PDB file of N, CA and C in Angstrom:
ATOM      1  N   MET A   1     146.814  31.137 215.631  1.00  0.00           N
ATOM      2  CA  MET A   1     147.726  30.404 215.627  1.00  0.00           C
ATOM      3  C   MET A   1     148.615  29.863 216.648  1.00  0.00           C
ATOM      4  N   GLU A   2     148.607  30.943 217.151  1.00  0.00           N
ATOM      5  CA  GLU A   2     149.390  30.733 218.985  1.00  0.00           C
ATOM      6  C   GLU A   2     148.613  30.126 219.600  1.00  0.00           C
ATOM      7  N   ASN A   3     146.825  29.969 219.685  1.00  0.00           N
ATOM      8  CA  ASN A   3     146.605  28.718 220.205  1.00  0.00           C
ATOM      9  C   ASN A   3     146.908  27.245 219.812  1.00  0.00           C
ATOM     10  N   LYS A   4     146.940  26.877 218.897  1.00  0.00           N
ATOM     11  CA  LYS A   4     147.548  25.932 218.342  1.00  0.00           C
ATOM     12  C   LYS A   4     149.187  25.650 218.624  1.00  0.00           C
ATOM     13  N   PHE A   5     149.575  26.368 218.429  1.00  0.00           N
ATOM     14  CA  PHE A   5     150.862  26.007 219.079  1.00  0.00           C
ATOM     15  C   PHE A   5     150.872  25.652 220.982  1.00  0.00           C
ATOM     16  N   LEU A   6     149.774  26.473 221.510  1.00  0.00           N
ATOM     17  CA  LEU A   6     149.879  26.066 222.929  1.00  0.00           C
ATOM     18  C   LEU A   6     149.212  25.002 222.760  1.00  0.00           C
ATOM     19  N   GLU A   7     148.480  24.759 222.552  1.00  0.00           N
ATOM     20  CA  GLU A   7     148.251  23.242 222.281  1.00  0.00           C
ATOM     21  C   GLU A   7     148.675  22.003 221.910  1.00  0.00           C
ATOM     22  N   THR A   8     149.885  22.283 221.215  1.00  0.00           N
ATOM     23  CA  THR A   8     150.746  21.672 220.888  1.00  0.00           C
ATOM     24  C   THR A   8     151.772  21.500 221.912  1.00  0.00           C
ATOM     25  N   GLU A   9     151.779  22.173 222.653  1.00  0.00           N
ATOM     26  CA  GLU A   9     153.256  22.374 223.863  1.00  0.00           C
ATOM     27  C   GLU A   9     152.421  21.386 224.743  1.00  0.00           C
ATOM     28  N   GLU A  10     151.342  21.783 225.322  1.00  0.00           N
ATOM     29  CA  GLU A  10     150.593  21.623 226.017  1.00  0.00           C
ATOM     30  C   GLU A  10     150.413  19.605 226.394  1.00  0.00           C
ATOM     31  N   GLU A  11     150.065  19.446 224.572  1.00  0.00           N
ATOM     32  CA  GLU A  11     150.622  17.465 224.269  1.00  0.00           C
ATOM     33  C   GLU A  11     151.892  16.917 224.753  1.00  0.00           C
ATOM     34  N   ILE A  12     152.680  17.859 223.899  1.00  0.00           N
ATOM     35  CA  ILE A  12     154.284  17.897 224.516  1.00  0.00           C
ATOM     36  C   ILE A  12     154.538  17.745 226.202  1.00  0.00           C
ATOM     37  N   VAL A  13     154.380  18.488 226.841  1.00  0.00           N
ATOM     38  CA  VAL A  13     154.421  18.314 228.255  1.00  0.00           C
ATOM     39  C   VAL A  13     153.397  17.106 228.970  1.00  0.00           C
ATOM     40  N   ARG A  14     152.234  16.289 228.360  1.00  0.00           N
ATOM     41  CA  ARG A  14     151.550  15.948 228.829  1.00  0.00           C
ATOM     42  C   ARG A  14     151.944  14.508 228.301  1.00  0.00           C
ATOM     43  N   MET A  15     152.881  14.240 227.278  1.00  0.00           N
ATOM     44  CA  MET A  15     153.425  13.086 227.116  1.00  0.00           C
ATOM     45  C   MET A  15     154.304  13.199 227.228  1.00  0.00           C
ATOM     46  N   LEU A  16     155.545  14.070 228.092  1.00  0.00           N
ATOM     47  CA  LEU A  16     156.392  14.004 228.638  1.00  0.00           C
ATOM     48  C   LEU A  16     156.139  13.443 230.350  1.00  0.00           C
ATOM     49  N   LYS A  17     155.172  13.880 230.661  1.00  0.00           N
ATOM     50  CA  LYS A  17     154.875  12.847 231.514  1.00  0.00           C
ATOM     51  C   LYS A  17     154.640  11.765 232.090  1.00  0.00           C
ATOM     52  N   THR A  18     154.244  10.717 230.600  1.00  0.00           N
ATOM     53  CA  THR A  18     154.142   9.458 230.630  1.00  0.00           C
ATOM     54  C   THR A  18     155.472   8.690 230.899  1.00  0.00           C
ATOM     55  N   VAL A  19     156.351   9.588 230.656  1.00  0.00           N
ATOM     56  CA  VAL A  19     157.625   8.935 230.826  1.00  0.00           C
ATOM     57  C   VAL A  19     158.658   8.993 231.639  1.00  0.00           C
ATOM     58  N   TYR A  20     158.943   7.231 232.394  1.00  0.00           N
ATOM     59  CA  TYR A  20     159.149   7.182 233.531  1.00  0.00           C
ATOM     60  C   TYR A  20     160.610   7.089 233.543  1.00  0.00           C
ATOM     61  N   ASP A  21     161.853   7.311 234.498  1.00  0.00           N
ATOM     62  CA  ASP A  21     162.928   6.850 234.870  1.00  0.00           C
ATOM     63  C   ASP A  21     162.796   5.363 235.670  1.00  0.00           C
ATOM     64  N   PRO A  22     162.899   4.001 235.019  1.00  0.00           N
ATOM     65  CA  PRO A  22     162.445   3.003 235.962  1.00  0.00           C
ATOM     66  C   PRO A  22     162.991   2.561 236.739  1.00  0.00           C
ATOM     67  N   GLU A  23     164.382   3.609 237.400  1.00  0.00           N
ATOM     68  CA  GLU A  23     164.738   3.319 239.005  1.00  0.00           C
ATOM     69  C   GLU A  23     163.788   4.478 240.024  1.00  0.00           C
ATOM     70  N   ILE A  24     162.735   5.312 239.440  1.00  0.00           N
ATOM     71  CA  ILE A  24     162.510   6.581 240.177  1.00  0.00           C
ATOM     72  C   ILE A  24     160.543   6.667 239.431  1.00  0.00           C
ATOM     73  N   PRO A  25     160.185   6.285 240.519  1.00  0.00           N
ATOM     74  CA  PRO A  25     158.604   6.844 239.876  1.00  0.00           C
ATOM     75  C   PRO A  25     158.096   8.067 240.441  1.00  0.00           C
ATOM     76  N   VAL A  26     158.783   8.805 239.407  1.00  0.00           N
ATOM     77  CA  VAL A  26     157.921  10.118 239.150  1.00  0.00           C
ATOM     78  C   VAL A  26     158.305  10.082 237.963  1.00  0.00           C
ATOM     79  N   ASN A  27     157.266  11.000 237.184  1.00  0.00           N
ATOM     80  CA  ASN A  27     157.834  11.040 235.594  1.00  0.00           C
ATOM     81  C   ASN A  27     159.130  12.083 235.420  1.00  0.00           C
ATOM     82  N   ILE A  28     160.014  11.883 234.351  1.00  0.00           N
ATOM     83  CA  ILE A  28     161.134  12.825 233.861  1.00  0.00           C
ATOM     84  C   ILE A  28     160.534  14.360 234.328  1.00  0.00           C
ATOM     85  N   TYR A  29     159.506  14.605 233.983  1.00  0.00           N
ATOM     86  CA  TYR A  29     159.363  16.458 233.261  1.00  0.00           C
ATOM     87  C   TYR A  29     158.826  17.331 235.013  1.00  0.00           C
ATOM     88  N   ASP A  30     158.808  15.715 235.959  1.00  0.00           N
ATOM     89  CA  ASP A  30     158.471  16.171 237.651  1.00  0.00           C
ATOM     90  C   ASP A  30     159.567  16.396 238.206  1.00  0.00           C
ATOM     91  N   LEU A  31     160.425  15.821 237.661  1.00  0.00           N
ATOM     92  CA  LEU A  31     161.549  15.115 238.148  1.00  0.00           C
ATOM     93  C   LEU A  31     163.039  16.369 237.577  1.00  0.00           C
ATOM     94  N   GLY A  32     162.460  17.440 236.816  1.00  0.00           N
ATOM     95  CA  GLY A  32     163.003  18.628 236.439  1.00  0.00           C
ATOM     96  C   GLY A  32     164.117  18.265 235.500  1.00  0.00           C
ATOM     97  N   LEU A  33     164.193  16.815 235.173  1.00  0.00           N
ATOM     98  CA  LEU A  33     164.920  16.502 233.910  1.00  0.00           C
ATOM     99  C   LEU A  33     164.916  17.430 232.228  1.00  0.00           C
ATOM    100  N   ILE A  34     163.864  17.669 232.410  1.00  0.00           N
ATOM    101  CA  ILE A  34     163.658  18.869 230.976  1.00  0.00           C
ATOM    102  C   ILE A  34     163.897  19.309 231.031  1.00  0.00           C
ATOM    103  N   TYR A  35     165.098  19.873 229.888  1.00  0.00           N
ATOM    104  CA  TYR A  35     165.560  21.904 230.231  1.00  0.00           C
ATOM    105  C   TYR A  35     164.882  22.269 229.006  1.00  0.00           C
ATOM    106  N   GLY A  36     164.415  22.131 227.833  1.00  0.00           N
ATOM    107  CA  GLY A  36     163.686  23.109 226.790  1.00  0.00           C
ATOM    108  C   GLY A  36     163.408  22.293 225.941  1.00  0.00           C
ATOM    109  N   VAL A  37     161.846  22.226 224.810  1.00  0.00           N
ATOM    110  CA  VAL A  37     161.098  22.100 224.125  1.00  0.00           C
ATOM    111  C   VAL A  37     161.182  23.054 223.453  1.00  0.00           C
ATOM    112  N   ASP A  38     162.212  23.123 222.145  1.00  0.00           N
ATOM    113  CA  ASP A  38     161.549  23.594 221.108  1.00  0.00           C
ATOM    114  C   ASP A  38     160.955  23.257 219.610  1.00  0.00           C
ATOM    115  N   ILE A  39     159.862  24.281 219.303  1.00  0.00           N
ATOM    116  CA  ILE A  39     158.807  23.145 218.304  1.00  0.00           C
ATOM    117  C   ILE A  39     159.611  24.363 216.709  1.00  0.00           C
ATOM    118  N   ASP A  40     159.504  24.581 215.724  1.00  0.00           N
ATOM    119  CA  ASP A  40     159.994  25.084 214.893  1.00  0.00           C
ATOM    120  C   ASP A  40     158.087  25.110 214.044  1.00  0.00           C
ATOM    121  N   ASP A  41     158.495  26.022 213.156  1.00  0.00           N
ATOM    122  CA  ASP A  41     156.876  26.113 212.025  1.00  0.00           C
ATOM    123  C   ASP A  41     156.686  25.085 211.402  1.00  0.00           C
ATOM    124  N   GLU A  42     157.693  24.012 211.391  1.00  0.00           N
ATOM    125  CA  GLU A  42     157.279  22.715 210.461  1.00  0.00           C
ATOM    126  C   GLU A  42     156.992  21.611 211.318  1.00  0.00           C
ATOM    127  N   LYS A  43     156.423  21.429 212.918  1.00  0.00           N
ATOM    128  CA  LYS A  43     156.639  21.068 213.805  1.00  0.00           C
ATOM    129  C   LYS A  43     157.525  20.426 214.213  1.00  0.00           C
ATOM    130  N   ASN A  44     158.820  20.595 213.913  1.00  0.00           N
ATOM    131  CA  ASN A  44     159.704  19.355 214.302  1.00  0.00           C
ATOM    132  C   ASN A  44     160.151  19.830 215.989  1.00  0.00           C
ATOM    133  N   VAL A  45     160.427  18.867 216.223  1.00  0.00           N
ATOM    134  CA  VAL A  45     160.802  19.384 218.140  1.00  0.00           C
ATOM    135  C   VAL A  45     162.621  18.817 218.831  1.00  0.00           C
ATOM    136  N   ILE A  46     162.753  19.562 219.662  1.00  0.00           N
ATOM    137  CA  ILE A  46     163.955  19.139 219.959  1.00  0.00           C
ATOM    138  C   ILE A  46     163.921  19.339 221.402  1.00  0.00           C
ATOM    139  N   VAL A  47     163.720  18.606 222.148  1.00  0.00           N
ATOM    140  CA  VAL A  47     164.243  18.412 223.492  1.00  0.00           C
ATOM    141  C   VAL A  47     164.985  17.995 223.904  1.00  0.00           C
ATOM    142  N   THR A  48     165.554  19.316 224.922  1.00  0.00           N
ATOM    143  CA  THR A  48     166.787  19.241 225.627  1.00  0.00           C
ATOM    144  C   THR A  48     166.570  18.684 227.097  1.00  0.00           C
ATOM    145  N   MET A  49     167.578  17.948 227.828  1.00  0.00           N
ATOM    146  CA  MET A  49     167.285  17.061 228.612  1.00  0.00           C
ATOM    147  C   MET A  49     168.574  16.768 229.213  1.00  0.00           C
ATOM    148  N   THR A  50     168.668  16.214 230.691  1.00  0.00           N
ATOM    149  CA  THR A  50     169.507  15.405 231.260  1.00  0.00           C
ATOM    150  C   THR A  50     168.723  14.362 231.834  1.00  0.00           C
ATOM    151  N   LEU A  51     169.856  13.509 232.754  1.00  0.00           N
ATOM    152  CA  LEU A  51     169.504  12.773 233.871  1.00  0.00           C
ATOM    153  C   LEU A  51     169.892  12.932 235.265  1.00  0.00           C
ATOM    154  N   THR A  52     169.430  12.410 235.847  1.00  0.00           N
ATOM    155  CA  THR A  52     170.006  12.668 237.367  1.00  0.00           C
ATOM    156  C   THR A  52     171.819  12.228 237.272  1.00  0.00           C
ATOM    157  N   SER A  53     171.730  11.061 236.881  1.00  0.00           N
ATOM    158  CA  SER A  53     173.575  10.765 236.307  1.00  0.00           C
ATOM    159  C   SER A  53     173.699  10.242 235.811  1.00  0.00           C
ATOM    160  N   PRO A  54     175.193  10.935 235.302  1.00  0.00           N
ATOM    161  CA  PRO A  54     175.619  10.540 233.832  1.00  0.00           C
ATOM    162  C   PRO A  54     175.940   9.537 233.543  1.00  0.00           C
ATOM    163  N   ALA A  55     175.891   8.449 234.139  1.00  0.00           N
ATOM    164  CA  ALA A  55     176.259   7.039 234.209  1.00  0.00           C
ATOM    165  C   ALA A  55     174.511   6.245 234.274  1.00  0.00           C
ATOM    166  N   CYS A  56     173.908   6.783 233.815  1.00  0.00           N
ATOM    167  CA  CYS A  56     172.180   6.220 234.134  1.00  0.00           C
ATOM    168  C   CYS A  56     172.447   4.989 233.081  1.00  0.00           C
ATOM    169  N   PRO A  57     171.975   4.219 233.694  1.00  0.00           N
ATOM    170  CA  PRO A  57     172.025   3.390 232.847  1.00  0.00           C
ATOM    171  C   PRO A  57     170.701   3.175 231.986  1.00  0.00           C
ATOM    172  N   ALA A  58     169.769   3.626 231.679  1.00  0.00           N
ATOM    173  CA  ALA A  58     168.724   4.115 231.778  1.00  0.00           C
ATOM    174  C   ALA A  58     168.683   4.872 230.113  1.00  0.00           C
ATOM    175  N   ALA A  59     168.913   5.556 230.028  1.00  0.00           N
ATOM    176  CA  ALA A  59     169.794   6.510 229.216  1.00  0.00           C
ATOM    177  C   ALA A  59     168.926   6.953 228.241  1.00  0.00           C
ATOM    178  N   ASP A  60     169.548   5.601 227.148  1.00  0.00           N
ATOM    179  CA  ASP A  60     169.019   5.249 225.580  1.00  0.00           C
ATOM    180  C   ASP A  60     167.722   4.635 225.857  1.00  0.00           C
ATOM    181  N   PHE A  61     167.382   4.367 226.747  1.00  0.00           N
ATOM    182  CA  PHE A  61     165.639   3.675 226.899  1.00  0.00           C
ATOM    183  C   PHE A  61     164.817   5.380 227.345  1.00  0.00           C
ATOM    184  N   ILE A  62     165.400   5.699 227.742  1.00  0.00           N
ATOM    185  CA  ILE A  62     164.657   7.164 228.447  1.00  0.00           C
ATOM    186  C   ILE A  62     164.214   8.008 227.429  1.00  0.00           C
ATOM    187  N   ALA A  63     165.737   8.073 226.130  1.00  0.00           N
ATOM    188  CA  ALA A  63     165.953   9.239 225.204  1.00  0.00           C
ATOM    189  C   ALA A  63     164.574   8.398 224.365  1.00  0.00           C
ATOM    190  N   GLU A  64     164.509   7.537 224.012  1.00  0.00           N
ATOM    191  CA  GLU A  64     163.927   6.801 223.044  1.00  0.00           C
ATOM    192  C   GLU A  64     162.485   6.566 223.087  1.00  0.00           C
ATOM    193  N   ASP A  65     162.030   6.458 224.845  1.00  0.00           N
ATOM    194  CA  ASP A  65     160.885   6.471 224.724  1.00  0.00           C
ATOM    195  C   ASP A  65     160.109   8.086 224.889  1.00  0.00           C
ATOM    196  N   VAL A  66     161.124   9.292 225.241  1.00  0.00           N
ATOM    197  CA  VAL A  66     160.909  10.325 225.181  1.00  0.00           C
ATOM    198  C   VAL A  66     160.543  10.930 223.297  1.00  0.00           C
ATOM    199  N   LYS A  67     161.539  10.594 222.088  1.00  0.00           N
ATOM    200  CA  LYS A  67     160.879  10.445 221.541  1.00  0.00           C
ATOM    201  C   LYS A  67     159.625   9.679 220.711  1.00  0.00           C
ATOM    202  N   MET A  68     159.281   8.482 220.847  1.00  0.00           N
ATOM    203  CA  MET A  68     158.553   7.736 220.639  1.00  0.00           C
ATOM    204  C   MET A  68     157.357   8.351 221.048  1.00  0.00           C
ATOM    205  N   ARG A  69     156.967   9.138 221.933  1.00  0.00           N
ATOM    206  CA  ARG A  69     155.971   9.997 223.097  1.00  0.00           C
ATOM    207  C   ARG A  69     155.635  10.976 222.097  1.00  0.00           C
ATOM    208  N   ILE A  70     156.206  11.547 221.608  1.00  0.00           N
ATOM    209  CA  ILE A  70     156.276  12.803 221.511  1.00  0.00           C
ATOM    210  C   ILE A  70     155.921  12.766 219.817  1.00  0.00           C
ATOM    211  N   GLU A  71     156.532  11.551 219.036  1.00  0.00           N
ATOM    212  CA  GLU A  71     156.415  11.367 217.517  1.00  0.00           C
ATOM    213  C   GLU A  71     154.853  10.863 217.598  1.00  0.00           C
ATOM    214  N   SER A  72     154.461  10.551 218.793  1.00  0.00           N
ATOM    215  CA  SER A  72     153.030   9.744 218.205  1.00  0.00           C
ATOM    216  C   SER A  72     151.964  11.132 218.238  1.00  0.00           C
ATOM    217  N   ILE A  73     152.447  12.649 218.910  1.00  0.00           N
ATOM    218  CA  ILE A  73     151.458  13.420 218.304  1.00  0.00           C
ATOM    219  C   ILE A  73     151.234  13.573 216.990  1.00  0.00           C
ATOM    220  N   PRO A  74     150.242  13.617 216.483  1.00  0.00           N
ATOM    221  CA  PRO A  74     149.884  13.545 215.270  1.00  0.00           C
ATOM    222  C   PRO A  74     150.211  14.858 214.625  1.00  0.00           C
ATOM    223  N   GLU A  75     150.637  15.772 214.394  1.00  0.00           N
ATOM    224  CA  GLU A  75     150.728  16.758 213.925  1.00  0.00           C
ATOM    225  C   GLU A  75     152.221  17.553 214.447  1.00  0.00           C
ATOM    226  N   ILE A  76     153.113  16.664 215.332  1.00  0.00           N
ATOM    227  CA  ILE A  76     154.704  16.331 214.851  1.00  0.00           C
ATOM    228  C   ILE A  76     155.482  15.125 213.467  1.00  0.00           C
ATOM    229  N   LYS A  77     156.543  16.222 213.621  1.00  0.00           N
ATOM    230  CA  LYS A  77     157.265  15.654 211.965  1.00  0.00           C
ATOM    231  C   LYS A  77     158.560  14.958 212.814  1.00  0.00           C
ATOM    232  N   ASN A  78     159.279  15.530 213.579  1.00  0.00           N
ATOM    233  CA  ASN A  78     160.569  15.051 214.121  1.00  0.00           C
ATOM    234  C   ASN A  78     160.683  15.145 215.254  1.00  0.00           C
ATOM    235  N   VAL A  79     161.746  14.264 215.805  1.00  0.00           N
ATOM    236  CA  VAL A  79     162.111  15.138 216.916  1.00  0.00           C
ATOM    237  C   VAL A  79     163.363  14.613 217.517  1.00  0.00           C
ATOM    238  N   GLU A  80     164.085  15.626 217.983  1.00  0.00           N
ATOM    239  CA  GLU A  80     165.492  14.734 218.032  1.00  0.00           C
ATOM    240  C   GLU A  80     165.619  15.561 219.810  1.00  0.00           C
ATOM    241  N   VAL A  81     166.245  14.583 220.380  1.00  0.00           N
ATOM    242  CA  VAL A  81     166.718  14.335 221.562  1.00  0.00           C
ATOM    243  C   VAL A  81     167.834  14.572 222.234  1.00  0.00           C
ATOM    244  N   LYS A  82     168.505  15.730 222.089  1.00  0.00           N
ATOM    245  CA  LYS A  82     169.681  15.950 223.437  1.00  0.00           C
ATOM    246  C   LYS A  82     169.350  15.917 224.504  1.00  0.00           C
ATOM    247  N   ILE A  83     170.721  15.172 224.916  1.00  0.00           N
ATOM    248  CA  ILE A  83     171.027  15.031 226.294  1.00  0.00           C
ATOM    249  C   ILE A  83     172.056  15.988 226.906  1.00  0.00           C
ATOM    250  N   VAL A  84     172.042  16.487 227.744  1.00  0.00           N
ATOM    251  CA  VAL A  84     173.342  17.434 228.297  1.00  0.00           C
ATOM    252  C   VAL A  84     173.313  17.155 229.880  1.00  0.00           C
ATOM    253  N   PHE A  85     174.687  17.270 230.438  1.00  0.00           N
ATOM    254  CA  PHE A  85     174.602  17.507 231.543  1.00  0.00           C
ATOM    255  C   PHE A  85     175.360  19.045 232.124  1.00  0.00           C
ATOM    256  N   GLU A  86     174.864  19.830 231.429  1.00  0.00           N
ATOM    257  CA  GLU A  86     175.819  21.582 231.779  1.00  0.00           C
ATOM    258  C   GLU A  86     174.258  22.307 231.616  1.00  0.00           C
ATOM    259  N   PRO A  87     173.330  23.045 232.848  1.00  0.00           N
ATOM    260  CA  PRO A  87     173.434  22.425 233.809  1.00  0.00           C
ATOM    261  C   PRO A  87     173.137  21.273 234.898  1.00  0.00           C
ATOM    262  N   GLU A  88     174.225  21.005 235.578  1.00  0.00           N
ATOM    263  CA  GLU A  88     174.009  19.290 236.853  1.00  0.00           C
ATOM    264  C   GLU A  88     172.694  19.341 236.734  1.00  0.00           C
ATOM    265  N   TRP A  89     172.024  18.275 237.073  1.00  0.00           N
ATOM    266  CA  TRP A  89     170.611  17.985 237.536  1.00  0.00           C
ATOM    267  C   TRP A  89     170.787  18.297 239.142  1.00  0.00           C
ATOM    268  N   HIS A  90     170.436  18.593 239.860  1.00  0.00           N
ATOM    269  CA  HIS A  90     169.678  18.892 241.346  1.00  0.00           C
ATOM    270  C   HIS A  90     168.914  18.657 241.511  1.00  0.00           C
ATOM    271  N   GLN A  91     168.330  18.700 243.137  1.00  0.00           N
ATOM    272  CA  GLN A  91     167.042  18.046 243.333  1.00  0.00           C
ATOM    273  C   GLN A  91     166.399  19.309 243.440  1.00  0.00           C
ATOM    274  N   GLY A  92     166.823  20.690 243.389  1.00  0.00           N
ATOM    275  CA  GLY A  92     166.126  21.758 243.407  1.00  0.00           C
ATOM    276  C   GLY A  92     165.611  21.369 242.534  1.00  0.00           C
ATOM    277  N   LEU A  93     165.134  20.995 241.145  1.00  0.00           N
ATOM    278  CA  LEU A  93     164.800  21.267 239.920  1.00  0.00           C
ATOM    279  C   LEU A  93     163.251  20.599 240.259  1.00  0.00           C
ATOM    280  N   MET A  94     163.506  19.517 240.923  1.00  0.00           N
ATOM    281  CA  MET A  94     162.047  18.731 240.898  1.00  0.00           C
ATOM    282  C   MET A  94     160.759  19.297 241.236  1.00  0.00           C
ATOM    283  N   SER A  95     159.621  18.772 240.796  1.00  0.00           N
ATOM    284  CA  SER A  95     158.315  19.859 241.294  1.00  0.00           C
ATOM    285  C   SER A  95     158.538  19.575 242.278  1.00  0.00           C
ATOM    286  N   GLU A  96     157.339  20.535 243.583  1.00  0.00           N
ATOM    287  CA  GLU A  96     156.797  20.004 244.775  1.00  0.00           C
ATOM    288  C   GLU A  96     155.985  18.678 244.612  1.00  0.00           C
ATOM    289  N   GLU A  97     155.515  18.000 243.460  1.00  0.00           N
ATOM    290  CA  GLU A  97     154.659  16.564 243.588  1.00  0.00           C
ATOM    291  C   GLU A  97     155.771  15.572 243.780  1.00  0.00           C
ATOM    292  N   ALA A  98     156.785  15.982 242.832  1.00  0.00           N
ATOM    293  CA  ALA A  98     157.716  15.067 242.765  1.00  0.00           C
ATOM    294  C   ALA A  98     158.623  14.849 244.031  1.00  0.00           C
ATOM    295  N   LYS A  99     159.124  15.780 244.852  1.00  0.00           N
ATOM    296  CA  LYS A  99     159.588  16.069 246.087  1.00  0.00           C
ATOM    297  C   LYS A  99     158.730  15.401 247.175  1.00  0.00           C
ATOM    298  N   LEU A 100     157.437  15.681 246.917  1.00  0.00           N
ATOM    299  CA  LEU A 100     156.453  14.743 248.074  1.00  0.00           C
ATOM    300  C   LEU A 100     156.511  13.501 247.803  1.00  0.00           C
ATOM    301  N   GLU A 101     156.711  12.891 246.456  1.00  0.00           N
ATOM    302  CA  GLU A 101     156.558  11.904 246.245  1.00  0.00           C
ATOM    303  C   GLU A 101     157.839  11.082 246.651  1.00  0.00           C
ATOM    304  N   LEU A 102     158.894  11.782 246.804  1.00  0.00           N
ATOM    305  CA  LEU A 102     160.588  10.814 246.845  1.00  0.00           C
ATOM    306  C   LEU A 102     160.871  11.020 248.567  1.00  0.00           C
ATOM    307  N   GLY A 103     159.938  11.724 249.334  1.00  0.00           N
ATOM    308  CA  GLY A 103     159.652  11.854 250.435  1.00  0.00           C
ATOM    309  C   GLY A 103     160.539  13.228 250.693  1.00  0.00           C
ATOM    310  N   PHE A 104     161.416  13.667 250.140  1.00  0.00           N
ATOM    311  CA  PHE A 104     161.629  15.564 249.684  1.00  0.00           C
ATOM    312  C   PHE A 104     161.116  16.572 251.197  1.00  0.00           C
ATOM    313  N   LEU A 105     160.116  16.075 251.110  1.00  0.00           N
ATOM    314  CA  LEU A 105     159.192  17.799 252.353  1.00  0.00           C
ATOM    315  C   LEU A 105     158.434  16.388 253.127  1.00  0.00           C
TER     316      LEU A 105
END
């Protein structure tokens, strides 16, 4: 059971790495915008995430893309995306790969 849970979690991360802010050439996972992914026993998923700015014009697009990509995983039943602004996003949340891609290293 634990192995199947880890496989599902890894598939969710793979899907999150396919979602991009249209203005930034790095996926939202490596940007550090994903604060948490919770999966219950019935395979319902809650993604808690933030945006680089509260005024992000692509907020609805990004949230819907996250929802659709995770819902494409066969065993997932329902996906809820919660956008939060606490804690505030900062560049320190980015992966090393994202920092390199954006010229911060």
